[in-house]
Full PDB file with SEQRES, HELIX, SHEET, SSBOND, CRYST1, ORIGX, SCALE, CONECT and MASTER records, all heavy atoms in Angstrom:
SEQRES   1 A   39  GLN ALA MET LEU THR TYR ARG MET ALA SER GLU LEU THR          
SEQRES   2 A   39  PRO ALA SER ILE SER ARG LEU GLN ASN LEU GLY MET MET          
SEQRES   3 A   39  THR TYR TYR THR GLY ASP ARG LYS GLU ALA GLU LYS ILE          
HELIX    1 AA1 ALA A    2  LEU A   12  1                                  11    
HELIX    2 AA2 ILE A   17  THR A   30  1                                  14    
HELIX    3 AA3 ARG A   33  LYS A   38  1                                   6    
CRYST1    1.000    1.000    1.000  90.00  90.00  90.00 P 1           1          
ORIGX1      1.000000  0.000000  0.000000        0.00000                         
ORIGX2      0.000000  1.000000  0.000000        0.00000                         
ORIGX3      0.000000  0.000000  1.000000        0.00000                         
SCALE1      1.000000  0.000000  0.000000        0.00000                         
SCALE2      0.000000  1.000000  0.000000        0.00000                         
SCALE3      0.000000  0.000000  1.000000        0.00000                         
ATOM      1  N   GLN A   1       0.828  -1.238   0.055  1.00  0.00           N  
ATOM      2  CA  GLN A   1      -0.078  -0.035   0.106  1.00  0.00           C  
ATOM      3  C   GLN A   1       0.793   1.206  -0.036  1.00  0.00           C  
ATOM      4  O   GLN A   1       0.560   2.234  -0.715  1.00  0.00           O  
ATOM      5  CB  GLN A   1      -0.852  -0.067   1.203  1.00  0.00           C  
ATOM      6  CG  GLN A   1      -2.040  -1.050   1.177  1.00  0.00           C  
ATOM      7  CD  GLN A   1      -2.890  -1.032   2.412  1.00  0.00           C  
ATOM      8  OE1 GLN A   1      -3.059   0.047   3.045  1.00  0.00           O  
ATOM      9  NE2 GLN A   1      -3.538  -2.079   2.683  1.00  0.00           N  
ATOM     10  N   ALA A   2       1.963   1.198   0.831  1.00  0.00           N  
ATOM     11  CA  ALA A   2       2.853   2.342   0.799  1.00  0.00           C  
ATOM     12  C   ALA A   2       3.474   2.676  -0.562  1.00  0.00           C  
ATOM     13  O   ALA A   2       3.635   3.812  -1.006  1.00  0.00           O  
ATOM     14  CB  ALA A   2       3.942   2.143   1.828  1.00  0.00           C  
ATOM     15  N   MET A   3       3.750   1.515  -1.318  1.00  0.00           N  
ATOM     16  CA  MET A   3       4.353   1.753  -2.598  1.00  0.00           C  
ATOM     17  C   MET A   3       3.354   2.361  -3.561  1.00  0.00           C  
ATOM     18  O   MET A   3       3.670   3.306  -4.311  1.00  0.00           O  
ATOM     19  CB  MET A   3       4.761   0.324  -3.195  1.00  0.00           C  
ATOM     20  CG  MET A   3       5.424   0.479  -4.562  1.00  0.00           C  
ATOM     21  SD  MET A   3       5.869  -1.200  -5.229  1.00  0.00           S  
ATOM     22  CE  MET A   3       4.180  -1.828  -5.472  1.00  0.00           C  
ATOM     23  N   LEU A   4       2.190   1.943  -3.508  1.00  0.00           N  
ATOM     24  CA  LEU A   4       1.105   2.515  -4.362  1.00  0.00           C  
ATOM     25  C   LEU A   4       0.848   4.048  -4.028  1.00  0.00           C  
ATOM     26  O   LEU A   4       0.615   4.830  -4.928  1.00  0.00           O  
ATOM     27  CB  LEU A   4      -0.257   1.751  -4.212  1.00  0.00           C  
ATOM     28  CG  LEU A   4      -0.274   0.349  -4.722  1.00  0.00           C  
ATOM     29  CD1 LEU A   4      -1.545  -0.396  -4.408  1.00  0.00           C  
ATOM     30  CD2 LEU A   4      -0.056   0.441  -6.254  1.00  0.00           C  
ATOM     31  N   THR A   5       0.887   4.324  -2.770  1.00  0.00           N  
ATOM     32  CA  THR A   5       0.755   5.772  -2.229  1.00  0.00           C  
ATOM     33  C   THR A   5       1.818   6.594  -2.790  1.00  0.00           C  
ATOM     34  O   THR A   5       1.685   7.741  -3.255  1.00  0.00           O  
ATOM     35  CB  THR A   5       0.624   5.771  -0.752  1.00  0.00           C  
ATOM     36  OG1 THR A   5      -0.476   4.961  -0.350  1.00  0.00           O  
ATOM     37  CG2 THR A   5       0.461   7.192  -0.237  1.00  0.00           C  
ATOM     38  N   TYR A   6       3.034   6.096  -2.575  1.00  0.00           N  
ATOM     39  CA  TYR A   6       4.312   6.896  -3.103  1.00  0.00           C  
ATOM     40  C   TYR A   6       4.165   6.973  -4.676  1.00  0.00           C  
ATOM     41  O   TYR A   6       4.636   8.112  -5.118  1.00  0.00           O  
ATOM     42  CB  TYR A   6       5.549   6.063  -2.656  1.00  0.00           C  
ATOM     43  CG  TYR A   6       5.937   6.301  -1.262  1.00  0.00           C  
ATOM     44  CD1 TYR A   6       6.352   5.177  -0.547  1.00  0.00           C  
ATOM     45  CD2 TYR A   6       5.723   7.527  -0.567  1.00  0.00           C  
ATOM     46  CE1 TYR A   6       6.679   5.295   0.837  1.00  0.00           C  
ATOM     47  CE2 TYR A   6       6.048   7.678   0.725  1.00  0.00           C  
ATOM     48  CZ  TYR A   6       6.504   6.476   1.488  1.00  0.00           C  
ATOM     49  OH  TYR A   6       6.760   6.593   2.873  1.00  0.00           O  
ATOM     50  N   ARG A   7       3.618   5.978  -5.335  1.00  0.00           N  
ATOM     51  CA  ARG A   7       3.522   6.178  -6.754  1.00  0.00           C  
ATOM     52  C   ARG A   7       2.544   7.275  -7.104  1.00  0.00           C  
ATOM     53  O   ARG A   7       2.775   8.013  -8.018  1.00  0.00           O  
ATOM     54  CB  ARG A   7       3.067   4.790  -7.397  1.00  0.00           C  
ATOM     55  CG  ARG A   7       2.860   4.919  -8.858  1.00  0.00           C  
ATOM     56  CD  ARG A   7       2.562   3.536  -9.492  1.00  0.00           C  
ATOM     57  NE  ARG A   7       3.679   2.741  -9.431  1.00  0.00           N  
ATOM     58  CZ  ARG A   7       3.669   1.484  -9.019  1.00  0.00           C  
ATOM     59  NH1 ARG A   7       2.535   0.909  -8.590  1.00  0.00           N  
ATOM     60  NH2 ARG A   7       4.765   0.728  -8.907  1.00  0.00           N  
ATOM     61  N   MET A   8       1.489   7.366  -6.318  1.00  0.00           N  
ATOM     62  CA  MET A   8       0.499   8.471  -6.609  1.00  0.00           C  
ATOM     63  C   MET A   8       1.128   9.849  -6.278  1.00  0.00           C  
ATOM     64  O   MET A   8       1.013  10.786  -7.116  1.00  0.00           O  
ATOM     65  CB  MET A   8      -0.744   8.304  -5.637  1.00  0.00           C  
ATOM     66  CG  MET A   8      -1.730   9.428  -5.819  1.00  0.00           C  
ATOM     67  SD  MET A   8      -2.505   9.329  -7.396  1.00  0.00           S  
ATOM     68  CE  MET A   8      -3.673   7.909  -7.076  1.00  0.00           C  
ATOM     69  N   ALA A   9       1.912   9.897  -5.292  1.00  0.00           N  
ATOM     70  CA  ALA A   9       2.641  11.166  -4.901  1.00  0.00           C  
ATOM     71  C   ALA A   9       3.577  11.533  -6.149  1.00  0.00           C  
ATOM     72  O   ALA A   9       3.716  12.684  -6.518  1.00  0.00           O  
ATOM     73  CB  ALA A   9       3.406  11.144  -3.664  1.00  0.00           C  
ATOM     74  N   SER A  10       4.335  10.541  -6.647  1.00  0.00           N  
ATOM     75  CA  SER A  10       5.306  10.758  -7.635  1.00  0.00           C  
ATOM     76  C   SER A  10       4.665  11.194  -8.895  1.00  0.00           C  
ATOM     77  O   SER A  10       5.159  12.020  -9.758  1.00  0.00           O  
ATOM     78  CB  SER A  10       6.166   9.549  -7.822  1.00  0.00           C  
ATOM     79  OG  SER A  10       7.205   9.721  -8.758  1.00  0.00           O  
ATOM     80  N   GLU A  11       3.458  10.617  -9.225  1.00  0.00           N  
ATOM     81  CA  GLU A  11       2.789  10.894 -10.443  1.00  0.00           C  
ATOM     82  C   GLU A  11       2.197  12.266 -10.357  1.00  0.00           C  
ATOM     83  O   GLU A  11       2.178  12.980 -11.481  1.00  0.00           O  
ATOM     84  CB  GLU A  11       1.652   9.877 -10.712  1.00  0.00           C  
ATOM     85  CG  GLU A  11       2.126   8.517 -11.118  1.00  0.00           C  
ATOM     86  CD  GLU A  11       0.990   7.438 -11.225  1.00  0.00           C  
ATOM     87  OE1 GLU A  11      -0.128   7.844 -10.835  1.00  0.00           O  
ATOM     88  OE2 GLU A  11       1.279   6.347 -11.633  1.00  0.00           O  
ATOM     89  N   LEU A  12       1.892  12.823  -9.228  1.00  0.00           N  
ATOM     90  CA  LEU A  12       1.369  14.117  -9.088  1.00  0.00           C  
ATOM     91  C   LEU A  12       2.493  15.109  -9.244  1.00  0.00           C  
ATOM     92  O   LEU A  12       2.275  16.332  -9.725  1.00  0.00           O  
ATOM     93  CB  LEU A  12       0.743  14.331  -7.641  1.00  0.00           C  
ATOM     94  CG  LEU A  12      -0.654  13.724  -7.492  1.00  0.00           C  
ATOM     95  CD1 LEU A  12      -0.920  13.742  -5.981  1.00  0.00           C  
ATOM     96  CD2 LEU A  12      -1.710  14.396  -8.336  1.00  0.00           C  
ATOM     97  N   THR A  13       3.709  14.754  -8.879  1.00  0.00           N  
ATOM     98  CA  THR A  13       4.914  15.648  -9.003  1.00  0.00           C  
ATOM     99  C   THR A  13       6.033  14.869  -9.729  1.00  0.00           C  
ATOM    100  O   THR A  13       6.971  14.448  -9.043  1.00  0.00           O  
ATOM    101  CB  THR A  13       5.305  16.188  -7.643  1.00  0.00           C  
ATOM    102  OG1 THR A  13       5.548  15.030  -6.780  1.00  0.00           O  
ATOM    103  CG2 THR A  13       4.277  16.948  -7.056  1.00  0.00           C  
ATOM    104  N   PRO A  14       6.017  14.595 -10.959  1.00  0.00           N  
ATOM    105  CA  PRO A  14       6.983  13.727 -11.729  1.00  0.00           C  
ATOM    106  C   PRO A  14       8.422  14.303 -11.615  1.00  0.00           C  
ATOM    107  O   PRO A  14       9.340  13.418 -11.777  1.00  0.00           O  
ATOM    108  CB  PRO A  14       6.487  13.675 -13.083  1.00  0.00           C  
ATOM    109  CG  PRO A  14       5.596  14.923 -13.259  1.00  0.00           C  
ATOM    110  CD  PRO A  14       5.052  15.174 -11.923  1.00  0.00           C  
ATOM    111  N   ALA A  15       8.641  15.559 -11.325  1.00  0.00           N  
ATOM    112  CA  ALA A  15       9.952  16.064 -11.282  1.00  0.00           C  
ATOM    113  C   ALA A  15      10.541  15.997  -9.805  1.00  0.00           C  
ATOM    114  O   ALA A  15      11.762  16.483  -9.624  1.00  0.00           O  
ATOM    115  CB  ALA A  15      10.066  17.471 -11.895  1.00  0.00           C  
ATOM    116  N   SER A  16       9.735  15.526  -8.858  1.00  0.00           N  
ATOM    117  CA  SER A  16      10.227  15.542  -7.489  1.00  0.00           C  
ATOM    118  C   SER A  16      11.255  14.428  -7.280  1.00  0.00           C  
ATOM    119  O   SER A  16      10.975  13.242  -7.321  1.00  0.00           O  
ATOM    120  CB  SER A  16       9.111  15.350  -6.457  1.00  0.00           C  
ATOM    121  OG  SER A  16       9.565  15.138  -5.247  1.00  0.00           O  
ATOM    122  N   ILE A  17      12.470  14.781  -6.998  1.00  0.00           N  
ATOM    123  CA  ILE A  17      13.572  13.751  -6.734  1.00  0.00           C  
ATOM    124  C   ILE A  17      13.233  12.993  -5.493  1.00  0.00           C  
ATOM    125  O   ILE A  17      13.415  11.655  -5.494  1.00  0.00           O  
ATOM    126  CB  ILE A  17      14.978  14.460  -6.700  1.00  0.00           C  
ATOM    127  CG1 ILE A  17      15.271  15.115  -8.084  1.00  0.00           C  
ATOM    128  CG2 ILE A  17      16.073  13.487  -6.272  1.00  0.00           C  
ATOM    129  CD1 ILE A  17      16.451  16.120  -7.943  1.00  0.00           C  
ATOM    130  N   SER A  18      12.880  13.610  -4.481  1.00  0.00           N  
ATOM    131  CA  SER A  18      12.734  12.983  -3.178  1.00  0.00           C  
ATOM    132  C   SER A  18      11.583  11.978  -3.284  1.00  0.00           C  
ATOM    133  O   SER A  18      11.667  10.877  -2.659  1.00  0.00           O  
ATOM    134  CB  SER A  18      12.472  13.954  -2.071  1.00  0.00           C  
ATOM    135  OG  SER A  18      11.353  14.802  -2.386  1.00  0.00           O  
ATOM    136  N   ARG A  19      10.489  12.284  -3.947  1.00  0.00           N  
ATOM    137  CA  ARG A  19       9.463  11.409  -4.134  1.00  0.00           C  
ATOM    138  C   ARG A  19       9.785  10.202  -5.037  1.00  0.00           C  
ATOM    139  O   ARG A  19       9.295   9.010  -4.775  1.00  0.00           O  
ATOM    140  CB  ARG A  19       8.084  12.121  -4.648  1.00  0.00           C  
ATOM    141  CG  ARG A  19       7.465  13.002  -3.609  1.00  0.00           C  
ATOM    142  CD  ARG A  19       6.188  13.561  -3.984  1.00  0.00           C  
ATOM    143  NE  ARG A  19       5.654  14.296  -2.839  1.00  0.00           N  
ATOM    144  CZ  ARG A  19       5.283  15.585  -2.850  1.00  0.00           C  
ATOM    145  NH1 ARG A  19       5.434  16.265  -3.965  1.00  0.00           N  
ATOM    146  NH2 ARG A  19       4.778  16.137  -1.753  1.00  0.00           N  
ATOM    147  N   LEU A  20      10.492  10.433  -6.096  1.00  0.00           N  
ATOM    148  CA  LEU A  20      11.084   9.286  -6.905  1.00  0.00           C  
ATOM    149  C   LEU A  20      11.937   8.415  -6.021  1.00  0.00           C  
ATOM    150  O   LEU A  20      11.808   7.131  -6.157  1.00  0.00           O  
ATOM    151  CB  LEU A  20      11.859   9.859  -7.996  1.00  0.00           C  
ATOM    152  CG  LEU A  20      11.101  10.156  -9.375  1.00  0.00           C  
ATOM    153  CD1 LEU A  20      12.138  10.714 -10.326  1.00  0.00           C  
ATOM    154  CD2 LEU A  20      10.515   8.804  -9.929  1.00  0.00           C  
ATOM    155  N   GLN A  21      12.695   8.913  -5.188  1.00  0.00           N  
ATOM    156  CA  GLN A  21      13.583   8.091  -4.302  1.00  0.00           C  
ATOM    157  C   GLN A  21      12.647   7.202  -3.338  1.00  0.00           C  
ATOM    158  O   GLN A  21      12.898   6.090  -3.192  1.00  0.00           O  
ATOM    159  CB  GLN A  21      14.361   9.025  -3.335  1.00  0.00           C  
ATOM    160  CG  GLN A  21      15.553   9.633  -4.268  1.00  0.00           C  
ATOM    161  CD  GLN A  21      16.400  10.621  -3.451  1.00  0.00           C  
ATOM    162  OE1 GLN A  21      17.511  11.014  -3.897  1.00  0.00           O  
ATOM    163  NE2 GLN A  21      15.898  11.154  -2.378  1.00  0.00           N  
ATOM    164  N   ASN A  22      11.625   7.856  -2.725  1.00  0.00           N  
ATOM    165  CA  ASN A  22      10.770   7.088  -1.916  1.00  0.00           C  
ATOM    166  C   ASN A  22      10.185   5.846  -2.727  1.00  0.00           C  
ATOM    167  O   ASN A  22      10.020   4.716  -2.199  1.00  0.00           O  
ATOM    168  CB  ASN A  22       9.697   7.928  -1.328  1.00  0.00           C  
ATOM    169  CG  ASN A  22      10.065   8.699  -0.152  1.00  0.00           C  
ATOM    170  OD1 ASN A  22      11.120   8.422   0.465  1.00  0.00           O  
ATOM    171  ND2 ASN A  22       9.384   9.742   0.109  1.00  0.00           N  
ATOM    172  N   LEU A  23       9.635   6.106  -3.847  1.00  0.00           N  
ATOM    173  CA  LEU A  23       8.988   5.164  -4.643  1.00  0.00           C  
ATOM    174  C   LEU A  23      10.023   4.071  -5.072  1.00  0.00           C  
ATOM    175  O   LEU A  23       9.672   2.926  -4.885  1.00  0.00           O  
ATOM    176  CB  LEU A  23       8.440   5.841  -5.903  1.00  0.00           C  
ATOM    177  CG  LEU A  23       7.730   4.899  -6.883  1.00  0.00           C  
ATOM    178  CD1 LEU A  23       6.671   4.114  -6.282  1.00  0.00           C  
ATOM    179  CD2 LEU A  23       7.237   5.639  -8.171  1.00  0.00           C  
ATOM    180  N   GLY A  24      11.142   4.445  -5.498  1.00  0.00           N  
ATOM    181  CA  GLY A  24      12.150   3.457  -5.973  1.00  0.00           C  
ATOM    182  C   GLY A  24      12.555   2.581  -4.850  1.00  0.00           C  
ATOM    183  O   GLY A  24      12.606   1.395  -4.994  1.00  0.00           O  
ATOM    184  N   MET A  25      12.837   3.113  -3.584  1.00  0.00           N  
ATOM    185  CA  MET A  25      13.271   2.328  -2.490  1.00  0.00           C  
ATOM    186  C   MET A  25      12.197   1.400  -2.092  1.00  0.00           C  
ATOM    187  O   MET A  25      12.462   0.193  -1.835  1.00  0.00           O  
ATOM    188  CB  MET A  25      13.800   3.180  -1.424  1.00  0.00           C  
ATOM    189  CG  MET A  25      15.001   3.966  -1.615  1.00  0.00           C  
ATOM    190  SD  MET A  25      15.547   4.791  -0.097  1.00  0.00           S  
ATOM    191  CE  MET A  25      16.522   6.212  -0.785  1.00  0.00           C  
ATOM    192  N   MET A  26      10.958   1.891  -2.032  1.00  0.00           N  
ATOM    193  CA  MET A  26       9.782   1.145  -1.529  1.00  0.00           C  
ATOM    194  C   MET A  26       9.590  -0.072  -2.484  1.00  0.00           C  
ATOM    195  O   MET A  26       9.256  -1.213  -2.151  1.00  0.00           O  
ATOM    196  CB  MET A  26       8.653   1.908  -1.432  1.00  0.00           C  
ATOM    197  CG  MET A  26       7.499   1.278  -0.463  1.00  0.00           C  
ATOM    198  SD  MET A  26       7.870   1.386   1.291  1.00  0.00           S  
ATOM    199  CE  MET A  26       8.416  -0.338   1.534  1.00  0.00           C  
ATOM    200  N   THR A  27       9.687   0.262  -3.776  1.00  0.00           N  
ATOM    201  CA  THR A  27       9.524  -0.774  -4.870  1.00  0.00           C  
ATOM    202  C   THR A  27      10.623  -1.812  -4.692  1.00  0.00           C  
ATOM    203  O   THR A  27      10.235  -3.126  -4.940  1.00  0.00           O  
ATOM    204  CB  THR A  27       9.565  -0.140  -6.205  1.00  0.00           C  
ATOM    205  OG1 THR A  27       8.540   0.888  -6.385  1.00  0.00           O  
ATOM    206  CG2 THR A  27       9.276  -1.173  -7.378  1.00  0.00           C  
ATOM    207  N   TYR A  28      11.751  -1.424  -4.516  1.00  0.00           N  
ATOM    208  CA  TYR A  28      12.891  -2.362  -4.284  1.00  0.00           C  
ATOM    209  C   TYR A  28      12.643  -3.375  -3.139  1.00  0.00           C  
ATOM    210  O   TYR A  28      12.752  -4.598  -3.198  1.00  0.00           O  
ATOM    211  CB  TYR A  28      14.251  -1.591  -4.080  1.00  0.00           C  
ATOM    212  CG  TYR A  28      15.492  -2.561  -3.889  1.00  0.00           C  
ATOM    213  CD1 TYR A  28      16.126  -2.947  -5.032  1.00  0.00           C  
ATOM    214  CD2 TYR A  28      15.780  -2.982  -2.669  1.00  0.00           C  
ATOM    215  CE1 TYR A  28      17.209  -3.731  -4.881  1.00  0.00           C  
ATOM    216  CE2 TYR A  28      16.884  -3.830  -2.415  1.00  0.00           C  
ATOM    217  CZ  TYR A  28      17.598  -4.233  -3.556  1.00  0.00           C  
ATOM    218  OH  TYR A  28      18.647  -5.087  -3.390  1.00  0.00           O  
ATOM    219  N   TYR A  29      12.222  -2.814  -1.986  1.00  0.00           N  
ATOM    220  CA  TYR A  29      12.037  -3.581  -0.777  1.00  0.00           C  
ATOM    221  C   TYR A  29      10.777  -4.436  -0.901  1.00  0.00           C  
ATOM    222  O   TYR A  29      10.755  -5.449  -0.156  1.00  0.00           O  
ATOM    223  CB  TYR A  29      12.051  -2.797   0.445  1.00  0.00           C  
ATOM    224  CG  TYR A  29      13.462  -2.139   0.811  1.00  0.00           C  
ATOM    225  CD1 TYR A  29      13.627  -0.797   0.845  1.00  0.00           C  
ATOM    226  CD2 TYR A  29      14.432  -3.015   1.079  1.00  0.00           C  
ATOM    227  CE1 TYR A  29      14.892  -0.283   1.157  1.00  0.00           C  
ATOM    228  CE2 TYR A  29      15.768  -2.608   1.381  1.00  0.00           C  
ATOM    229  CZ  TYR A  29      15.940  -1.221   1.411  1.00  0.00           C  
ATOM    230  OH  TYR A  29      17.191  -0.740   1.714  1.00  0.00           O  
ATOM    231  N   THR A  30       9.837  -4.110  -1.678  1.00  0.00           N  
ATOM    232  CA  THR A  30       8.637  -4.947  -1.842  1.00  0.00           C  
ATOM    233  C   THR A  30       9.014  -6.107  -2.852  1.00  0.00           C  
ATOM    234  O   THR A  30       8.083  -6.993  -3.118  1.00  0.00           O  
ATOM    235  CB  THR A  30       7.419  -4.175  -2.283  1.00  0.00           C  
ATOM    236  OG1 THR A  30       7.717  -3.406  -3.483  1.00  0.00           O  
ATOM    237  CG2 THR A  30       6.867  -3.155  -1.267  1.00  0.00           C  
ATOM    238  N   GLY A  31      10.101  -6.096  -3.473  1.00  0.00           N  
ATOM    239  CA  GLY A  31      10.544  -7.244  -4.257  1.00  0.00           C  
ATOM    240  C   GLY A  31      10.430  -7.141  -5.729  1.00  0.00           C  
ATOM    241  O   GLY A  31      10.889  -8.045  -6.516  1.00  0.00           O  
ATOM    242  N   ASP A  32       9.886  -6.098  -6.157  1.00  0.00           N  
ATOM    243  CA  ASP A  32       9.809  -5.869  -7.682  1.00  0.00           C  
ATOM    244  C   ASP A  32      11.070  -5.083  -8.211  1.00  0.00           C  
ATOM    245  O   ASP A  32      11.116  -3.910  -8.465  1.00  0.00           O  
ATOM    246  CB  ASP A  32       8.565  -4.912  -7.955  1.00  0.00           C  
ATOM    247  CG  ASP A  32       8.259  -4.908  -9.513  1.00  0.00           C  
ATOM    248  OD1 ASP A  32       9.099  -5.358 -10.355  1.00  0.00           O  
ATOM    249  OD2 ASP A  32       7.155  -4.361  -9.913  1.00  0.00           O  
ATOM    250  N   ARG A  33      12.193  -5.956  -8.287  1.00  0.00           N  
ATOM    251  CA  ARG A  33      13.523  -5.425  -8.560  1.00  0.00           C  
ATOM    252  C   ARG A  33      13.559  -4.846  -9.988  1.00  0.00           C  
ATOM    253  O   ARG A  33      14.280  -3.880 -10.199  1.00  0.00           O  
ATOM    254  CB  ARG A  33      14.540  -6.452  -8.312  1.00  0.00           C  
ATOM    255  CG  ARG A  33      14.487  -7.072  -6.916  1.00  0.00           C  
ATOM    256  CD  ARG A  33      14.920  -5.991  -5.878  1.00  0.00           C  
ATOM    257  NE  ARG A  33      14.705  -6.385  -4.478  1.00  0.00           N  
ATOM    258  CZ  ARG A  33      15.496  -7.206  -3.727  1.00  0.00           C  
ATOM    259  NH1 ARG A  33      16.646  -7.611  -4.331  1.00  0.00           N  
ATOM    260  NH2 ARG A  33      15.317  -7.494  -2.601  1.00  0.00           N  
ATOM    261  N   LYS A  34      12.878  -5.434 -10.936  1.00  0.00           N  
ATOM    262  CA  LYS A  34      12.854  -4.982 -12.288  1.00  0.00           C  
ATOM    263  C   LYS A  34      12.373  -3.569 -12.420  1.00  0.00           C  
ATOM    264  O   LYS A  34      12.990  -2.591 -12.974  1.00  0.00           O  
ATOM    265  CB  LYS A  34      12.093  -5.950 -13.179  1.00  0.00           C  
ATOM    266  CG  LYS A  34      12.177  -5.665 -14.623  1.00  0.00           C  
ATOM    267  CD  LYS A  34      11.637  -6.551 -15.511  1.00  0.00           C  
ATOM    268  CE  LYS A  34      11.689  -6.317 -17.030  1.00  0.00           C  
ATOM    269  NZ  LYS A  34      10.858  -7.243 -17.873  1.00  0.00           N  
ATOM    270  N   GLU A  35      11.173  -3.298 -11.792  1.00  0.00           N  
ATOM    271  CA  GLU A  35      10.561  -1.998 -11.720  1.00  0.00           C  
ATOM    272  C   GLU A  35      11.399  -1.052 -10.994  1.00  0.00           C  
ATOM    273  O   GLU A  35      11.522   0.134 -11.317  1.00  0.00           O  
ATOM    274  CB  GLU A  35       9.121  -2.011 -11.239  1.00  0.00           C  
ATOM    275  CG  GLU A  35       8.433  -0.689 -11.330  1.00  0.00           C  
ATOM    276  CD  GLU A  35       8.110  -0.124 -12.665  1.00  0.00           C  
ATOM    277  OE1 GLU A  35       8.201  -0.908 -13.665  1.00  0.00           O  
ATOM    278  OE2 GLU A  35       7.898   1.077 -12.806  1.00  0.00           O  
ATOM    279  N   ALA A  36      11.885  -1.572  -9.845  1.00  0.00           N  
ATOM    280  CA  ALA A  36      12.763  -0.639  -9.006  1.00  0.00           C  
ATOM    281  C   ALA A  36      13.937  -0.175  -9.664  1.00  0.00           C  
ATOM    282  O   ALA A  36      14.319   1.031  -9.588  1.00  0.00           O  
ATOM    283  CB  ALA A  36      13.137  -1.502  -7.737  1.00  0.00           C  
ATOM    284  N   GLU A  37      14.536  -1.000 -10.500  1.00  0.00           N  
ATOM    285  CA  GLU A  37      15.817  -0.558 -11.190  1.00  0.00           C  
ATOM    286  C   GLU A  37      15.463   0.628 -12.111  1.00  0.00           C  
ATOM    287  O   GLU A  37      16.225   1.492 -12.247  1.00  0.00           O  
ATOM    288  CB  GLU A  37      16.325  -1.669 -11.946  1.00  0.00           C  
ATOM    289  CG  GLU A  37      17.670  -1.325 -12.679  1.00  0.00           C  
ATOM    290  CD  GLU A  37      18.292  -2.431 -13.433  1.00  0.00           C  
ATOM    291  OE1 GLU A  37      17.705  -3.502 -13.490  1.00  0.00           O  
ATOM    292  OE2 GLU A  37      19.443  -2.291 -13.914  1.00  0.00           O  
ATOM    293  N   LYS A  38      14.313   0.500 -12.802  1.00  0.00           N  
ATOM    294  CA  LYS A  38      13.923   1.572 -13.719  1.00  0.00           C  
ATOM    295  C   LYS A  38      13.719   2.942 -12.978  1.00  0.00           C  
ATOM    296  O   LYS A  38      14.267   3.917 -13.443  1.00  0.00           O  
ATOM    297  CB  LYS A  38      12.620   1.220 -14.473  1.00  0.00           C  
ATOM    298  CG  LYS A  38      12.730   0.014 -15.394  1.00  0.00           C  
ATOM    299  CD  LYS A  38      11.347  -0.223 -15.997  1.00  0.00           C  
ATOM    300  CE  LYS A  38      11.328  -1.463 -16.814  1.00  0.00           C  
ATOM    301  NZ  LYS A  38       9.938  -1.816 -17.326  1.00  0.00           N  
ATOM    302  N   ILE A  39      13.063   2.821 -11.817  1.00  0.00           N  
ATOM    303  CA  ILE A  39      12.771   4.074 -11.102  1.00  0.00           C  
ATOM    304  C   ILE A  39      14.126   4.598 -10.424  1.00  0.00           C  
ATOM    305  O   ILE A  39      14.346   5.784 -10.428  1.00  0.00           O  
ATOM    306  CB  ILE A  39      11.700   3.811  -9.997  1.00  0.00           C  
ATOM    307  CG1 ILE A  39      10.474   3.292 -10.598  1.00  0.00           C  
ATOM    308  CG2 ILE A  39      11.541   5.056  -9.137  1.00  0.00           C  
ATOM    309  CD1 ILE A  39       9.402   2.761  -9.560  1.00  0.00           C  
TER     310      ILE A  39                                                      
MASTER        0    0    0    3    0    0    0    6  309    1    0    3          
END                                                                             
């Protein structure tokens, strides 16, 4: 759920570095390494 929430925040502000970081890290720790690598 946290990953989906961070994705929403990142989509609202696509140029936000800090929100991209949150999304990328959360995606990594939830196990989707392929998507995490892209982010």
